[in-house]
Amino acid sequence: MEINYNLTEEDYIHFNLYHVKNSKTGKQALTWQRFLSPLFFILIAYIYSAISDMPFLPLFITFFIMSILWIVFYPKYFYNLITRNAKKMIKEGKNEGLLGEHCMKMTEEGIADTSSQRETKVTWSGITGFKEDDGYIYLYNSSVSAYILPKREINHVDEVRNYIQSRLIH
């Protein structure tokens, strides 16, 4: 089976967001950062009240409101940070062949993905995970990287999905 597709910066960013939102480590990082910081806000209110002449209650209310706002808005900031960092990584390194036109050939042995600058090959046993969302199929070749197949570039998504799944079972 052969699939020709174009991988864009948006596709790469989408993968990074998908991975962070669905990985155990990404979820834990968001949870810790989202809820631990407000505890520090409350602690700061208590310490500041103890070392100054300000009463605790007004400080607590102010920092409590800040904590609520942090809990509500931090996930949006966190995911925007992932997006910005993914864009920076694309621009700073040698990523020729990562984006642009690709040709993926799937055989009984594995996958060969060719772009203008490089060719990568992996056996089916080297595919550690198969994930999918509304717009993409991800074939993980490590815990943090995957072949990204945009569904908009695939004529028969069900056929491709079934083919991949049948190879991963063997």
N, C-alpha and C. Protein backbone atom coordinates (compact mmCIF):
# COMPACT_ATOMS: atom_id res chain seq x y z
N MET A 1 0.85 -1.18 0.00
CA MET A 1 0.00 0.00 0.00
C MET A 1 0.90 1.24 0.00
N GLU A 2 0.52 2.22 -0.79
CA GLU A 2 1.30 3.45 -0.90
C GLU A 2 0.40 4.66 -0.65
N ILE A 3 0.90 5.58 0.18
CA ILE A 3 0.15 6.80 0.48
C ILE A 3 1.07 7.99 0.23
N ASN A 4 0.62 8.90 -0.60
CA ASN A 4 1.33 10.16 -0.82
C ASN A 4 0.60 11.23 -0.03
N TYR A 5 1.35 11.99 0.77
CA TYR A 5 0.72 13.00 1.60
C TYR A 5 1.66 14.18 1.82
N ASN A 6 1.06 15.29 2.19
CA ASN A 6 1.80 16.51 2.49
C ASN A 6 1.66 16.79 3.98
N LEU A 7 2.79 16.85 4.68
CA LEU A 7 2.79 17.13 6.11
C LEU A 7 3.13 18.60 6.33
N THR A 8 2.21 19.32 6.99
CA THR A 8 2.39 20.75 7.21
C THR A 8 2.82 21.04 8.64
N GLU A 9 3.21 22.27 8.88
CA GLU A 9 3.56 22.70 10.24
C GLU A 9 2.37 22.51 11.17
N GLU A 10 1.18 22.79 10.69
CA GLU A 10 -0.03 22.62 11.51
C GLU A 10 -0.23 21.15 11.90
N ASP A 11 0.09 20.24 10.97
CA ASP A 11 -0.02 18.81 11.28
C ASP A 11 0.94 18.43 12.39
N TYR A 12 2.17 18.92 12.30
CA TYR A 12 3.18 18.62 13.31
C TYR A 12 2.78 19.19 14.67
N ILE A 13 2.26 20.40 14.68
CA ILE A 13 1.81 21.03 15.93
C ILE A 13 0.64 20.25 16.51
N HIS A 14 -0.28 19.86 15.63
CA HIS A 14 -1.44 19.08 16.09
C HIS A 14 -0.98 17.79 16.77
N PHE A 15 0.02 17.12 16.18
CA PHE A 15 0.54 15.90 16.79
C PHE A 15 1.11 16.18 18.17
N ASN A 16 1.88 17.25 18.31
CA ASN A 16 2.46 17.58 19.61
C ASN A 16 1.37 17.84 20.65
N LEU A 17 0.34 18.56 20.27
CA LEU A 17 -0.78 18.81 21.20
C LEU A 17 -1.51 17.50 21.53
N TYR A 18 -1.76 16.69 20.52
CA TYR A 18 -2.41 15.40 20.75
C TYR A 18 -1.59 14.57 21.73
N HIS A 19 -0.30 14.51 21.49
CA HIS A 19 0.58 13.69 22.33
C HIS A 19 0.56 14.17 23.79
N VAL A 20 0.69 15.47 23.99
CA VAL A 20 0.71 16.01 25.35
C VAL A 20 -0.63 15.77 26.05
N LYS A 21 -1.71 15.96 25.32
CA LYS A 21 -3.05 15.78 25.91
C LYS A 21 -3.35 14.32 26.23
N ASN A 22 -2.69 13.40 25.55
CA ASN A 22 -3.01 11.98 25.73
C ASN A 22 -1.92 11.16 26.41
N SER A 23 -0.78 11.75 26.67
CA SER A 23 0.28 11.00 27.35
C SER A 23 0.14 11.16 28.86
N LYS A 24 0.53 10.14 29.57
CA LYS A 24 0.46 10.17 31.03
C LYS A 24 1.33 11.31 31.59
N THR A 25 2.52 11.46 31.05
CA THR A 25 3.44 12.50 31.52
C THR A 25 2.88 13.90 31.24
N GLY A 26 2.31 14.10 30.05
CA GLY A 26 1.73 15.40 29.71
C GLY A 26 0.57 15.76 30.62
N LYS A 27 -0.29 14.79 30.89
CA LYS A 27 -1.43 15.02 31.78
C LYS A 27 -0.97 15.34 33.20
N GLN A 28 0.04 14.60 33.66
CA GLN A 28 0.57 14.85 35.01
C GLN A 28 1.20 16.24 35.11
N ALA A 29 1.95 16.63 34.10
CA ALA A 29 2.59 17.95 34.12
C ALA A 29 1.53 19.04 34.20
N LEU A 30 0.51 18.93 33.39
CA LEU A 30 -0.56 19.93 33.42
C LEU A 30 -1.24 19.96 34.78
N THR A 31 -1.56 18.81 35.32
CA THR A 31 -2.24 18.75 36.61
C THR A 31 -1.39 19.36 37.72
N TRP A 32 -0.13 18.97 37.78
CA TRP A 32 0.75 19.51 38.83
C TRP A 32 0.88 21.03 38.71
N GLN A 33 1.14 21.51 37.50
CA GLN A 33 1.33 22.95 37.31
C GLN A 33 0.04 23.71 37.53
N ARG A 34 -1.07 23.10 37.19
CA ARG A 34 -2.36 23.77 37.31
C ARG A 34 -2.79 23.91 38.76
N PHE A 35 -2.54 22.91 39.59
CA PHE A 35 -3.06 22.93 40.94
C PHE A 35 -2.02 23.23 42.02
N LEU A 36 -0.75 23.02 41.74
CA LEU A 36 0.27 23.29 42.74
C LEU A 36 0.53 24.79 42.88
N SER A 37 0.53 25.50 41.78
CA SER A 37 0.77 26.95 41.82
C SER A 37 -0.24 27.68 42.69
N PRO A 38 -1.55 27.38 42.60
CA PRO A 38 -2.49 28.06 43.49
C PRO A 38 -2.23 27.82 44.97
N LEU A 39 -1.70 26.64 45.29
CA LEU A 39 -1.34 26.42 46.70
C LEU A 39 -0.22 27.36 47.14
N PHE A 40 0.72 27.61 46.23
CA PHE A 40 1.77 28.58 46.54
C PHE A 40 1.19 29.98 46.69
N PHE A 41 0.20 30.33 45.89
CA PHE A 41 -0.45 31.64 46.03
C PHE A 41 -1.02 31.80 47.44
N ILE A 42 -1.70 30.80 47.92
CA ILE A 42 -2.30 30.85 49.26
C ILE A 42 -1.21 30.91 50.32
N LEU A 43 -0.14 30.15 50.13
CA LEU A 43 0.98 30.17 51.06
C LEU A 43 1.63 31.55 51.10
N ILE A 44 1.77 32.18 49.95
CA ILE A 44 2.33 33.53 49.88
C ILE A 44 1.45 34.51 50.66
N ALA A 45 0.13 34.35 50.54
CA ALA A 45 -0.79 35.23 51.29
C ALA A 45 -0.57 35.06 52.79
N TYR A 46 -0.42 33.83 53.24
CA TYR A 46 -0.20 33.58 54.66
C TYR A 46 1.14 34.15 55.12
N ILE A 47 2.20 33.90 54.38
CA ILE A 47 3.53 34.39 54.76
C ILE A 47 3.56 35.91 54.75
N TYR A 48 3.01 36.51 53.72
CA TYR A 48 3.01 37.97 53.64
C TYR A 48 2.21 38.57 54.79
N SER A 49 1.12 37.94 55.16
CA SER A 49 0.31 38.40 56.29
C SER A 49 1.09 38.28 57.60
N ALA A 50 1.85 37.20 57.74
CA ALA A 50 2.61 36.96 58.96
C ALA A 50 3.77 37.94 59.13
N ILE A 51 4.41 38.37 58.02
CA ILE A 51 5.57 39.25 58.14
C ILE A 51 5.21 40.73 57.98
N SER A 52 3.97 41.00 57.63
CA SER A 52 3.57 42.40 57.51
C SER A 52 2.40 42.66 58.45
N ASP A 53 1.94 43.87 58.43
CA ASP A 53 0.81 44.23 59.28
C ASP A 53 -0.54 44.05 58.59
N MET A 54 -0.53 43.48 57.42
CA MET A 54 -1.78 43.30 56.68
C MET A 54 -2.56 42.12 57.24
N PRO A 55 -3.88 42.26 57.34
CA PRO A 55 -4.69 41.14 57.81
C PRO A 55 -4.73 40.03 56.75
N PHE A 56 -4.89 38.82 57.23
CA PHE A 56 -4.84 37.65 56.36
C PHE A 56 -6.02 37.58 55.39
N LEU A 57 -7.23 37.88 55.86
CA LEU A 57 -8.42 37.69 55.04
C LEU A 57 -8.40 38.43 53.71
N PRO A 58 -8.07 39.74 53.67
CA PRO A 58 -8.02 40.40 52.36
C PRO A 58 -6.95 39.80 51.42
N LEU A 59 -5.81 39.44 51.99
CA LEU A 59 -4.77 38.80 51.19
C LEU A 59 -5.25 37.43 50.69
N PHE A 60 -5.88 36.69 51.59
CA PHE A 60 -6.38 35.37 51.20
C PHE A 60 -7.40 35.49 50.07
N ILE A 61 -8.33 36.41 50.17
CA ILE A 61 -9.35 36.59 49.13
C ILE A 61 -8.70 36.94 47.80
N THR A 62 -7.75 37.87 47.83
CA THR A 62 -7.05 38.27 46.60
C THR A 62 -6.33 37.09 45.97
N PHE A 63 -5.55 36.38 46.77
CA PHE A 63 -4.80 35.25 46.24
C PHE A 63 -5.70 34.06 45.88
N PHE A 64 -6.83 33.94 46.57
CA PHE A 64 -7.78 32.88 46.24
C PHE A 64 -8.40 33.15 44.87
N ILE A 65 -8.75 34.39 44.59
CA ILE A 65 -9.29 34.75 43.28
C ILE A 65 -8.23 34.50 42.20
N MET A 66 -6.98 34.87 42.48
CA MET A 66 -5.89 34.59 41.53
C MET A 66 -5.77 33.08 41.29
N SER A 67 -5.92 32.30 42.34
CA SER A 67 -5.83 30.84 42.22
C SER A 67 -6.93 30.28 41.33
N ILE A 68 -8.14 30.76 41.51
CA ILE A 68 -9.26 30.30 40.69
C ILE A 68 -9.01 30.65 39.23
N LEU A 69 -8.58 31.88 38.98
CA LEU A 69 -8.28 32.30 37.60
C LEU A 69 -7.17 31.44 37.00
N TRP A 70 -6.16 31.14 37.80
CA TRP A 70 -5.06 30.29 37.34
C TRP A 70 -5.58 28.91 36.94
N ILE A 71 -6.38 28.29 37.80
CA ILE A 71 -6.91 26.95 37.53
C ILE A 71 -7.75 26.95 36.26
N VAL A 72 -8.53 28.00 36.06
CA VAL A 72 -9.41 28.07 34.89
C VAL A 72 -8.63 28.30 33.60
N PHE A 73 -7.67 29.25 33.63
CA PHE A 73 -7.02 29.67 32.40
C PHE A 73 -5.67 29.01 32.11
N TYR A 74 -5.09 28.33 33.07
CA TYR A 74 -3.76 27.76 32.85
C TYR A 74 -3.72 26.73 31.72
N PRO A 75 -4.71 25.83 31.57
CA PRO A 75 -4.62 24.86 30.46
C PRO A 75 -4.47 25.54 29.09
N LYS A 76 -5.18 26.62 28.84
CA LYS A 76 -5.06 27.33 27.56
C LYS A 76 -3.63 27.86 27.40
N TYR A 77 -3.06 28.42 28.45
CA TYR A 77 -1.68 28.89 28.40
C TYR A 77 -0.72 27.73 28.14
N PHE A 78 -0.93 26.63 28.84
CA PHE A 78 -0.07 25.44 28.72
C PHE A 78 -0.04 24.93 27.28
N TYR A 79 -1.22 24.80 26.66
CA TYR A 79 -1.28 24.30 25.28
C TYR A 79 -0.75 25.32 24.29
N ASN A 80 -0.92 26.59 24.56
CA ASN A 80 -0.31 27.63 23.71
C ASN A 80 1.22 27.55 23.80
N LEU A 81 1.73 27.25 24.97
CA LEU A 81 3.18 27.09 25.15
C LEU A 81 3.70 25.90 24.35
N ILE A 82 2.98 24.81 24.35
CA ILE A 82 3.36 23.64 23.55
C ILE A 82 3.40 24.02 22.08
N THR A 83 2.40 24.76 21.61
CA THR A 83 2.34 25.20 20.22
C THR A 83 3.53 26.08 19.87
N ARG A 84 3.82 27.07 20.72
CA ARG A 84 4.96 27.97 20.46
C ARG A 84 6.27 27.20 20.42
N ASN A 85 6.44 26.29 21.36
CA ASN A 85 7.69 25.51 21.40
C ASN A 85 7.83 24.60 20.19
N ALA A 86 6.75 24.01 19.73
CA ALA A 86 6.81 23.16 18.53
C ALA A 86 7.21 24.00 17.32
N LYS A 87 6.65 25.20 17.21
CA LYS A 87 7.02 26.08 16.09
C LYS A 87 8.49 26.46 16.16
N LYS A 88 8.99 26.76 17.36
CA LYS A 88 10.40 27.11 17.53
C LYS A 88 11.30 25.94 17.14
N MET A 89 10.92 24.73 17.56
CA MET A 89 11.74 23.56 17.25
C MET A 89 11.81 23.32 15.75
N ILE A 90 10.72 23.55 15.06
CA ILE A 90 10.72 23.38 13.60
C ILE A 90 11.68 24.36 12.96
N LYS A 91 11.68 25.60 13.44
CA LYS A 91 12.48 26.66 12.82
C LYS A 91 13.96 26.58 13.18
N GLU A 92 14.29 26.07 14.36
CA GLU A 92 15.68 26.14 14.81
C GLU A 92 16.57 24.99 14.34
N GLY A 93 15.99 23.84 14.10
CA GLY A 93 16.84 22.69 13.82
C GLY A 93 16.89 22.33 12.36
N LYS A 94 17.61 21.25 12.10
CA LYS A 94 17.69 20.71 10.75
C LYS A 94 16.52 19.75 10.59
N ASN A 95 15.45 20.26 10.03
CA ASN A 95 14.24 19.48 9.90
C ASN A 95 13.86 19.24 8.45
N GLU A 96 14.83 19.30 7.56
CA GLU A 96 14.55 19.05 6.16
C GLU A 96 13.94 17.66 6.03
N GLY A 97 12.88 17.59 5.29
CA GLY A 97 12.23 16.31 5.08
C GLY A 97 11.16 15.99 6.10
N LEU A 98 11.12 16.72 7.20
CA LEU A 98 10.07 16.48 8.20
C LEU A 98 8.72 16.94 7.64
N LEU A 99 8.70 18.16 7.12
CA LEU A 99 7.49 18.72 6.54
C LEU A 99 7.55 18.61 5.02
N GLY A 100 6.42 18.72 4.39
CA GLY A 100 6.37 18.68 2.94
C GLY A 100 5.83 17.36 2.42
N GLU A 101 6.16 17.08 1.17
CA GLU A 101 5.64 15.89 0.50
C GLU A 101 6.33 14.63 1.01
N HIS A 102 5.51 13.62 1.25
CA HIS A 102 5.98 12.32 1.71
C HIS A 102 5.34 11.22 0.88
N CYS A 103 6.03 10.11 0.78
CA CYS A 103 5.48 8.91 0.17
C CYS A 103 5.72 7.77 1.16
N MET A 104 4.64 7.22 1.69
CA MET A 104 4.75 6.11 2.64
C MET A 104 4.35 4.82 1.93
N LYS A 105 5.26 3.87 1.97
CA LYS A 105 4.98 2.55 1.41
C LYS A 105 4.91 1.56 2.56
N MET A 106 3.77 0.87 2.63
CA MET A 106 3.56 -0.14 3.66
C MET A 106 3.57 -1.51 3.00
N THR A 107 4.45 -2.36 3.51
CA THR A 107 4.58 -3.71 2.97
C THR A 107 4.38 -4.72 4.09
N GLU A 108 4.51 -5.97 3.78
CA GLU A 108 4.41 -7.02 4.79
C GLU A 108 5.49 -6.86 5.87
N GLU A 109 6.66 -6.33 5.47
CA GLU A 109 7.78 -6.20 6.40
C GLU A 109 7.67 -4.97 7.29
N GLY A 110 7.17 -3.86 6.74
CA GLY A 110 7.12 -2.64 7.54
C GLY A 110 6.78 -1.42 6.70
N ILE A 111 7.30 -0.29 7.14
CA ILE A 111 6.98 1.00 6.55
C ILE A 111 8.26 1.66 6.05
N ALA A 112 8.19 2.25 4.86
CA ALA A 112 9.26 3.10 4.35
C ALA A 112 8.62 4.45 4.03
N ASP A 113 9.11 5.49 4.67
CA ASP A 113 8.58 6.85 4.46
C ASP A 113 9.67 7.68 3.79
N THR A 114 9.36 8.21 2.61
CA THR A 114 10.34 8.96 1.84
C THR A 114 9.87 10.39 1.64
N SER A 115 10.79 11.33 1.84
CA SER A 115 10.53 12.74 1.55
C SER A 115 11.65 13.24 0.65
N SER A 116 11.65 14.52 0.37
CA SER A 116 12.67 15.07 -0.53
C SER A 116 14.08 14.95 0.05
N GLN A 117 14.23 14.87 1.35
CA GLN A 117 15.55 14.88 1.99
C GLN A 117 15.96 13.57 2.65
N ARG A 118 14.98 12.70 2.94
CA ARG A 118 15.36 11.51 3.68
C ARG A 118 14.38 10.38 3.47
N GLU A 119 14.85 9.20 3.89
CA GLU A 119 13.99 8.02 3.88
C GLU A 119 14.16 7.33 5.22
N THR A 120 13.05 6.99 5.84
CA THR A 120 13.10 6.24 7.10
C THR A 120 12.36 4.92 6.89
N LYS A 121 12.86 3.90 7.56
CA LYS A 121 12.24 2.59 7.48
C LYS A 121 12.07 2.04 8.88
N VAL A 122 10.99 1.33 9.05
CA VAL A 122 10.73 0.66 10.33
C VAL A 122 9.94 -0.61 10.05
N THR A 123 10.29 -1.67 10.78
CA THR A 123 9.50 -2.90 10.66
C THR A 123 8.22 -2.74 11.47
N TRP A 124 7.27 -3.59 11.22
CA TRP A 124 6.01 -3.49 11.97
C TRP A 124 6.23 -3.69 13.46
N SER A 125 7.22 -4.49 13.83
CA SER A 125 7.50 -4.67 15.26
C SER A 125 8.08 -3.40 15.88
N GLY A 126 8.59 -2.50 15.04
CA GLY A 126 9.11 -1.22 15.52
C GLY A 126 8.03 -0.17 15.73
N ILE A 127 6.81 -0.47 15.33
CA ILE A 127 5.68 0.45 15.58
C ILE A 127 5.15 0.11 16.97
N THR A 128 5.36 1.03 17.89
CA THR A 128 5.01 0.78 19.30
C THR A 128 3.59 1.16 19.65
N GLY A 129 2.93 1.91 18.76
CA GLY A 129 1.56 2.30 19.06
C GLY A 129 0.83 2.80 17.84
N PHE A 130 -0.46 2.58 17.84
CA PHE A 130 -1.35 3.07 16.78
C PHE A 130 -2.41 3.92 17.46
N LYS A 131 -2.45 5.20 17.14
CA LYS A 131 -3.43 6.12 17.72
C LYS A 131 -4.12 6.85 16.58
N GLU A 132 -5.29 7.38 16.89
CA GLU A 132 -6.07 8.04 15.85
C GLU A 132 -6.96 9.09 16.50
N ASP A 133 -7.14 10.20 15.82
CA ASP A 133 -8.14 11.18 16.21
C ASP A 133 -8.95 11.54 14.97
N ASP A 134 -9.76 12.57 15.03
CA ASP A 134 -10.64 12.91 13.91
C ASP A 134 -9.89 13.20 12.62
N GLY A 135 -8.70 13.78 12.72
CA GLY A 135 -8.01 14.22 11.52
C GLY A 135 -6.74 13.46 11.16
N TYR A 136 -6.29 12.57 12.03
CA TYR A 136 -4.96 11.97 11.82
C TYR A 136 -4.90 10.53 12.28
N ILE A 137 -3.97 9.81 11.69
CA ILE A 137 -3.54 8.50 12.16
C ILE A 137 -2.09 8.67 12.59
N TYR A 138 -1.76 8.17 13.78
CA TYR A 138 -0.39 8.27 14.31
C TYR A 138 0.17 6.87 14.48
N LEU A 139 1.30 6.63 13.87
CA LEU A 139 2.01 5.37 14.03
C LEU A 139 3.26 5.65 14.84
N TYR A 140 3.19 5.38 16.13
CA TYR A 140 4.30 5.68 17.03
C TYR A 140 5.46 4.72 16.78
N ASN A 141 6.65 5.32 16.59
CA ASN A 141 7.86 4.51 16.46
C ASN A 141 8.76 4.67 17.69
N SER A 142 8.32 5.46 18.65
CA SER A 142 8.95 5.59 19.96
C SER A 142 7.89 6.19 20.89
N SER A 143 8.27 6.43 22.12
CA SER A 143 7.28 6.97 23.05
C SER A 143 6.96 8.44 22.78
N VAL A 144 7.79 9.12 21.97
CA VAL A 144 7.57 10.56 21.73
C VAL A 144 7.53 10.95 20.26
N SER A 145 7.65 9.98 19.35
CA SER A 145 7.60 10.35 17.93
C SER A 145 6.73 9.36 17.17
N ALA A 146 6.18 9.85 16.07
CA ALA A 146 5.27 9.02 15.29
C ALA A 146 5.27 9.46 13.83
N TYR A 147 4.87 8.53 12.98
CA TYR A 147 4.54 8.88 11.61
C TYR A 147 3.15 9.50 11.67
N ILE A 148 3.01 10.69 11.10
CA ILE A 148 1.75 11.43 11.15
C ILE A 148 1.10 11.32 9.78
N LEU A 149 -0.06 10.70 9.73
CA LEU A 149 -0.80 10.56 8.47
C LEU A 149 -2.06 11.41 8.53
N PRO A 150 -2.09 12.54 7.82
CA PRO A 150 -3.31 13.35 7.79
C PRO A 150 -4.41 12.62 7.01
N LYS A 151 -5.56 12.45 7.63
CA LYS A 151 -6.66 11.74 6.97
C LYS A 151 -7.15 12.47 5.72
N ARG A 152 -6.97 13.78 5.66
CA ARG A 152 -7.41 14.53 4.48
C ARG A 152 -6.65 14.12 3.23
N GLU A 153 -5.49 13.48 3.42
CA GLU A 153 -4.63 13.05 2.31
C GLU A 153 -4.86 11.59 1.93
N ILE A 154 -5.74 10.91 2.67
CA ILE A 154 -5.96 9.48 2.44
C ILE A 154 -7.34 9.29 1.81
N ASN A 155 -7.38 8.61 0.67
CA ASN A 155 -8.65 8.40 -0.03
C ASN A 155 -9.56 7.42 0.70
N HIS A 156 -9.01 6.34 1.22
CA HIS A 156 -9.82 5.29 1.87
C HIS A 156 -9.27 5.05 3.28
N VAL A 157 -9.69 5.89 4.22
CA VAL A 157 -9.16 5.84 5.58
C VAL A 157 -9.43 4.48 6.23
N ASP A 158 -10.64 3.95 6.06
CA ASP A 158 -10.96 2.66 6.68
C ASP A 158 -10.06 1.55 6.16
N GLU A 159 -9.77 1.56 4.88
CA GLU A 159 -8.89 0.56 4.28
C GLU A 159 -7.48 0.66 4.85
N VAL A 160 -6.98 1.88 4.99
CA VAL A 160 -5.64 2.09 5.56
C VAL A 160 -5.62 1.66 7.01
N ARG A 161 -6.63 2.06 7.77
CA ARG A 161 -6.71 1.69 9.19
C ARG A 161 -6.71 0.16 9.34
N ASN A 162 -7.54 -0.51 8.57
CA ASN A 162 -7.62 -1.97 8.66
C ASN A 162 -6.31 -2.64 8.27
N TYR A 163 -5.66 -2.11 7.23
CA TYR A 163 -4.37 -2.66 6.80
C TYR A 163 -3.33 -2.54 7.92
N ILE A 164 -3.24 -1.34 8.48
CA ILE A 164 -2.26 -1.12 9.57
C ILE A 164 -2.55 -2.02 10.76
N GLN A 165 -3.80 -2.07 11.17
CA GLN A 165 -4.15 -2.89 12.33
C GLN A 165 -3.89 -4.37 12.08
N SER A 166 -4.11 -4.82 10.84
CA SER A 166 -3.85 -6.24 10.56
C SER A 166 -2.35 -6.54 10.63
N ARG A 167 -1.49 -5.57 10.30
CA ARG A 167 -0.05 -5.79 10.38
C ARG A 167 0.45 -5.72 11.82
N LEU A 168 -0.18 -4.93 12.63
CA LEU A 168 0.27 -4.78 14.02
C LEU A 168 -0.15 -5.98 14.88
N ILE A 169 -1.16 -6.68 14.47
CA ILE A 169 -1.60 -7.86 15.22
C ILE A 169 -0.64 -9.01 15.05
N HIS A 170 -0.06 -9.14 13.85
CA HIS A 170 0.83 -10.29 13.58
C HIS A 170 2.10 -10.16 14.29
